[in-house]
């Protein structure tokens, strides 16, 4: 069965809210990196934070060697929070689809 317009709107709103929440967490880490002096500017901080949070981890050359462990911790944190969001989202959408 297809989702009703209200269910579809709720689902899209939930996806957007999760996206914004994870984006805020990424930006908070980026500001911490700049505040610590681990990166030179906010653009580098956001880039490094995004690849760390998503556990992609292209390279740690963008961060001061003294703070690389913080990037690794962010990767673990991001992996857990993204997994937690998925664990919350999938059963909810499954229940909504059964209505």
N, C-alpha and C. Protein backbone atom coordinates (compact mmCIF):
# COMPACT_ATOMS: atom_id res chain seq x y z
N UNK A 1 0.82 -1.21 0.00
CA UNK A 1 0.00 0.00 0.00
C UNK A 1 0.86 1.26 0.00
N UNK A 2 0.37 2.26 -0.66
CA UNK A 2 1.08 3.54 -0.75
C UNK A 2 0.86 4.35 0.53
N UNK A 3 1.80 5.20 0.81
CA UNK A 3 1.67 6.09 1.97
C UNK A 3 0.64 7.16 1.67
N UNK A 4 -0.10 7.56 2.70
CA UNK A 4 -1.01 8.69 2.56
C UNK A 4 -0.18 9.97 2.48
N UNK A 5 -0.76 11.06 1.96
CA UNK A 5 0.00 12.32 1.91
C UNK A 5 0.50 12.77 3.28
N UNK A 6 -0.29 12.57 4.32
CA UNK A 6 0.12 12.96 5.67
C UNK A 6 1.29 12.12 6.17
N UNK A 7 1.24 10.82 5.91
CA UNK A 7 2.33 9.92 6.31
C UNK A 7 3.59 10.25 5.55
N UNK A 8 3.45 10.52 4.26
CA UNK A 8 4.61 10.89 3.45
C UNK A 8 5.23 12.20 3.94
N UNK A 9 4.39 13.18 4.27
CA UNK A 9 4.89 14.46 4.79
C UNK A 9 5.61 14.26 6.12
N UNK A 10 5.05 13.42 6.99
CA UNK A 10 5.68 13.14 8.26
C UNK A 10 7.04 12.46 8.07
N UNK A 11 7.08 11.49 7.17
CA UNK A 11 8.33 10.77 6.90
C UNK A 11 9.39 11.71 6.35
N UNK A 12 9.02 12.54 5.40
CA UNK A 12 9.98 13.49 4.84
C UNK A 12 10.44 14.51 5.88
N UNK A 13 9.53 14.93 6.74
CA UNK A 13 9.90 15.85 7.82
C UNK A 13 10.88 15.20 8.79
N UNK A 14 10.65 13.94 9.09
CA UNK A 14 11.54 13.21 9.98
C UNK A 14 12.93 13.06 9.36
N UNK A 15 12.99 12.74 8.08
CA UNK A 15 14.28 12.62 7.39
C UNK A 15 15.00 13.97 7.42
N UNK A 16 14.30 15.03 7.14
CA UNK A 16 14.90 16.37 7.17
C UNK A 16 15.39 16.72 8.58
N UNK A 17 14.60 16.39 9.59
CA UNK A 17 14.99 16.68 10.98
C UNK A 17 16.26 15.90 11.36
N UNK A 18 16.34 14.65 10.97
CA UNK A 18 17.54 13.86 11.25
C UNK A 18 18.75 14.42 10.50
N UNK A 19 18.55 14.83 9.26
CA UNK A 19 19.62 15.42 8.46
C UNK A 19 20.13 16.70 9.13
N UNK A 20 19.22 17.54 9.58
CA UNK A 20 19.60 18.79 10.25
C UNK A 20 20.32 18.49 11.56
N UNK A 21 19.81 17.53 12.32
CA UNK A 21 20.44 17.17 13.59
C UNK A 21 21.88 16.71 13.38
N UNK A 22 22.09 15.82 12.43
CA UNK A 22 23.45 15.35 12.16
C UNK A 22 24.32 16.48 11.60
N UNK A 23 23.73 17.35 10.80
CA UNK A 23 24.48 18.51 10.29
C UNK A 23 24.93 19.42 11.42
N UNK A 24 24.06 19.65 12.39
CA UNK A 24 24.44 20.46 13.56
C UNK A 24 25.59 19.83 14.33
N UNK A 25 25.53 18.53 14.49
CA UNK A 25 26.61 17.84 15.20
C UNK A 25 27.93 17.98 14.45
N UNK A 26 27.89 17.87 13.14
CA UNK A 26 29.09 18.04 12.31
C UNK A 26 29.64 19.44 12.47
N UNK A 27 28.78 20.45 12.40
CA UNK A 27 29.22 21.84 12.54
C UNK A 27 29.76 22.11 13.94
N UNK A 28 29.16 21.52 14.97
CA UNK A 28 29.68 21.71 16.33
C UNK A 28 31.10 21.16 16.45
N UNK A 29 31.33 19.98 15.90
CA UNK A 29 32.69 19.45 15.90
C UNK A 29 33.62 20.38 15.12
N UNK A 30 33.16 20.90 13.99
CA UNK A 30 34.00 21.79 13.17
C UNK A 30 34.40 23.03 13.97
N UNK A 31 33.46 23.61 14.70
CA UNK A 31 33.78 24.78 15.52
C UNK A 31 34.77 24.42 16.63
N UNK A 32 34.62 23.23 17.20
CA UNK A 32 35.58 22.79 18.22
C UNK A 32 36.97 22.66 17.62
N UNK A 33 37.07 22.09 16.42
CA UNK A 33 38.38 21.97 15.77
C UNK A 33 39.02 23.34 15.55
N UNK A 34 38.22 24.30 15.11
CA UNK A 34 38.76 25.66 14.90
C UNK A 34 39.16 26.26 16.24
N UNK A 35 38.33 26.13 17.25
CA UNK A 35 38.59 26.69 18.58
C UNK A 35 39.87 26.09 19.18
N UNK A 36 40.08 24.79 18.96
CA UNK A 36 41.28 24.13 19.47
C UNK A 36 42.54 24.52 18.69
N UNK A 37 42.34 25.07 17.49
CA UNK A 37 43.47 25.35 16.62
C UNK A 37 43.93 24.11 15.86
N UNK A 38 43.07 23.10 15.81
CA UNK A 38 43.40 21.85 15.14
C UNK A 38 43.33 21.97 13.62
N UNK A 39 42.53 22.92 13.14
CA UNK A 39 42.43 23.21 11.70
C UNK A 39 42.56 24.72 11.53
N UNK A 40 42.86 25.11 10.29
CA UNK A 40 43.14 26.53 10.05
C UNK A 40 41.90 27.40 9.89
N UNK A 41 40.80 26.83 9.41
CA UNK A 41 39.60 27.64 9.16
C UNK A 41 38.36 26.77 9.23
N UNK A 42 37.20 27.43 9.22
CA UNK A 42 35.93 26.70 9.39
C UNK A 42 35.64 25.79 8.20
N UNK A 43 36.03 26.18 6.99
CA UNK A 43 35.79 25.33 5.82
C UNK A 43 36.53 24.00 5.98
N UNK A 44 37.78 24.07 6.40
CA UNK A 44 38.55 22.86 6.62
C UNK A 44 37.95 22.06 7.77
N UNK A 45 37.49 22.75 8.80
CA UNK A 45 36.87 22.09 9.93
C UNK A 45 35.61 21.33 9.54
N UNK A 46 34.76 21.96 8.73
CA UNK A 46 33.53 21.30 8.29
C UNK A 46 33.85 20.11 7.40
N UNK A 47 34.81 20.28 6.49
CA UNK A 47 35.20 19.17 5.62
C UNK A 47 35.72 18.00 6.44
N UNK A 48 36.69 18.28 7.32
CA UNK A 48 37.26 17.20 8.12
C UNK A 48 36.21 16.58 9.03
N UNK A 49 35.36 17.40 9.63
CA UNK A 49 34.33 16.90 10.51
C UNK A 49 33.34 16.00 9.76
N UNK A 50 32.98 16.39 8.56
CA UNK A 50 32.02 15.59 7.78
C UNK A 50 32.59 14.23 7.42
N UNK A 51 33.84 14.20 6.95
CA UNK A 51 34.40 12.89 6.58
C UNK A 51 34.69 12.04 7.81
N UNK A 52 34.95 12.68 8.94
CA UNK A 52 35.17 11.92 10.17
C UNK A 52 33.85 11.40 10.72
N UNK A 53 32.84 12.25 10.78
CA UNK A 53 31.54 11.89 11.35
C UNK A 53 30.90 10.75 10.57
N UNK A 54 31.04 10.81 9.26
CA UNK A 54 30.45 9.77 8.41
C UNK A 54 31.34 8.54 8.33
N UNK A 55 32.46 8.55 9.05
CA UNK A 55 33.42 7.45 9.09
C UNK A 55 33.99 7.12 7.72
N UNK A 56 34.06 8.14 6.85
CA UNK A 56 34.67 7.96 5.54
C UNK A 56 36.18 8.07 5.69
N UNK A 57 36.62 9.12 6.39
CA UNK A 57 38.01 9.27 6.77
C UNK A 57 39.00 9.26 5.62
N UNK A 58 38.81 10.12 4.63
CA UNK A 58 39.75 10.16 3.50
C UNK A 58 41.18 10.37 3.96
N UNK A 59 41.39 11.33 4.83
CA UNK A 59 42.75 11.65 5.26
C UNK A 59 42.71 12.50 6.51
N UNK A 60 43.73 12.35 7.31
CA UNK A 60 43.82 13.20 8.50
C UNK A 60 44.88 14.28 8.33
N UNK A 61 45.28 14.56 7.10
CA UNK A 61 46.28 15.60 6.87
C UNK A 61 45.70 17.00 7.10
N UNK A 62 44.38 17.10 7.20
CA UNK A 62 43.72 18.40 7.37
C UNK A 62 43.70 18.87 8.82
N UNK A 63 44.11 18.01 9.73
CA UNK A 63 44.04 18.33 11.15
C UNK A 63 45.43 18.21 11.78
N UNK A 64 45.67 19.04 12.77
CA UNK A 64 46.94 19.00 13.50
C UNK A 64 47.15 17.61 14.09
N UNK A 65 48.36 17.07 13.98
CA UNK A 65 48.63 15.73 14.53
C UNK A 65 48.27 15.59 16.01
N UNK A 66 48.33 16.68 16.75
CA UNK A 66 47.98 16.62 18.18
C UNK A 66 46.51 16.33 18.43
N UNK A 67 45.67 16.56 17.43
CA UNK A 67 44.22 16.42 17.61
C UNK A 67 43.61 15.31 16.76
N UNK A 68 44.41 14.47 16.15
CA UNK A 68 43.88 13.40 15.28
C UNK A 68 42.99 12.43 16.03
N UNK A 69 43.29 12.18 17.28
CA UNK A 69 42.48 11.25 18.05
C UNK A 69 41.05 11.78 18.22
N UNK A 70 40.89 13.09 18.31
CA UNK A 70 39.54 13.68 18.40
C UNK A 70 38.76 13.35 17.12
N UNK A 71 39.41 13.41 15.98
CA UNK A 71 38.76 13.03 14.72
C UNK A 71 38.33 11.58 14.72
N UNK A 72 39.17 10.70 15.27
CA UNK A 72 38.81 9.29 15.35
C UNK A 72 37.62 9.08 16.28
N UNK A 73 37.63 9.80 17.40
CA UNK A 73 36.50 9.71 18.34
C UNK A 73 35.22 10.23 17.67
N UNK A 74 35.34 11.30 16.87
CA UNK A 74 34.17 11.80 16.16
C UNK A 74 33.65 10.74 15.20
N UNK A 75 34.54 10.00 14.55
CA UNK A 75 34.12 8.93 13.64
C UNK A 75 33.32 7.87 14.35
N UNK A 76 33.78 7.47 15.53
CA UNK A 76 33.04 6.47 16.32
C UNK A 76 31.69 7.05 16.76
N UNK A 77 31.69 8.29 17.21
CA UNK A 77 30.46 8.96 17.63
C UNK A 77 29.47 9.05 16.47
N UNK A 78 29.96 9.48 15.31
CA UNK A 78 29.09 9.60 14.14
C UNK A 78 28.51 8.27 13.72
N UNK A 79 29.35 7.24 13.73
CA UNK A 79 28.87 5.91 13.36
C UNK A 79 27.75 5.45 14.29
N UNK A 80 27.95 5.66 15.59
CA UNK A 80 26.92 5.27 16.56
C UNK A 80 25.64 6.08 16.38
N UNK A 81 25.78 7.40 16.20
CA UNK A 81 24.58 8.24 16.06
C UNK A 81 23.84 8.00 14.74
N UNK A 82 24.56 7.78 13.67
CA UNK A 82 23.91 7.44 12.40
C UNK A 82 23.20 6.09 12.50
N UNK A 83 23.86 5.13 13.15
CA UNK A 83 23.22 3.83 13.35
C UNK A 83 21.99 3.92 14.23
N UNK A 84 22.09 4.75 15.27
CA UNK A 84 20.96 4.94 16.17
C UNK A 84 19.79 5.57 15.43
N UNK A 85 20.07 6.54 14.58
CA UNK A 85 19.02 7.18 13.78
C UNK A 85 18.36 6.17 12.86
N UNK A 86 19.16 5.32 12.25
CA UNK A 86 18.62 4.29 11.36
C UNK A 86 17.76 3.30 12.15
N UNK A 87 18.25 2.90 13.31
CA UNK A 87 17.49 1.97 14.16
C UNK A 87 16.17 2.57 14.61
N UNK A 88 16.11 3.88 14.75
CA UNK A 88 14.86 4.56 15.11
C UNK A 88 13.94 4.71 13.89
N UNK A 89 14.54 5.07 12.75
CA UNK A 89 13.78 5.44 11.57
C UNK A 89 13.12 4.23 10.88
N UNK A 90 13.87 3.16 10.68
CA UNK A 90 13.36 2.02 9.91
C UNK A 90 12.12 1.39 10.54
N UNK A 91 12.13 1.04 11.83
CA UNK A 91 10.90 0.47 12.40
C UNK A 91 9.70 1.43 12.36
N UNK A 92 9.99 2.72 12.53
CA UNK A 92 8.91 3.70 12.48
C UNK A 92 8.25 3.73 11.10
N UNK A 93 9.07 3.79 10.06
CA UNK A 93 8.52 3.80 8.70
C UNK A 93 7.83 2.49 8.38
N UNK A 94 8.37 1.38 8.90
CA UNK A 94 7.71 0.07 8.70
C UNK A 94 6.33 0.06 9.33
N UNK A 95 6.23 0.61 10.56
CA UNK A 95 4.93 0.68 11.22
C UNK A 95 3.96 1.59 10.46
N UNK A 96 4.49 2.71 9.97
CA UNK A 96 3.63 3.63 9.22
C UNK A 96 3.12 2.97 7.93
N UNK A 97 3.94 2.14 7.33
CA UNK A 97 3.54 1.45 6.09
C UNK A 97 2.47 0.41 6.31
N UNK A 98 2.33 -0.08 7.53
CA UNK A 98 1.32 -1.10 7.84
C UNK A 98 -0.05 -0.51 8.12
N UNK A 99 -0.11 0.80 8.24
CA UNK A 99 -1.38 1.46 8.57
C UNK A 99 -2.35 1.38 7.42
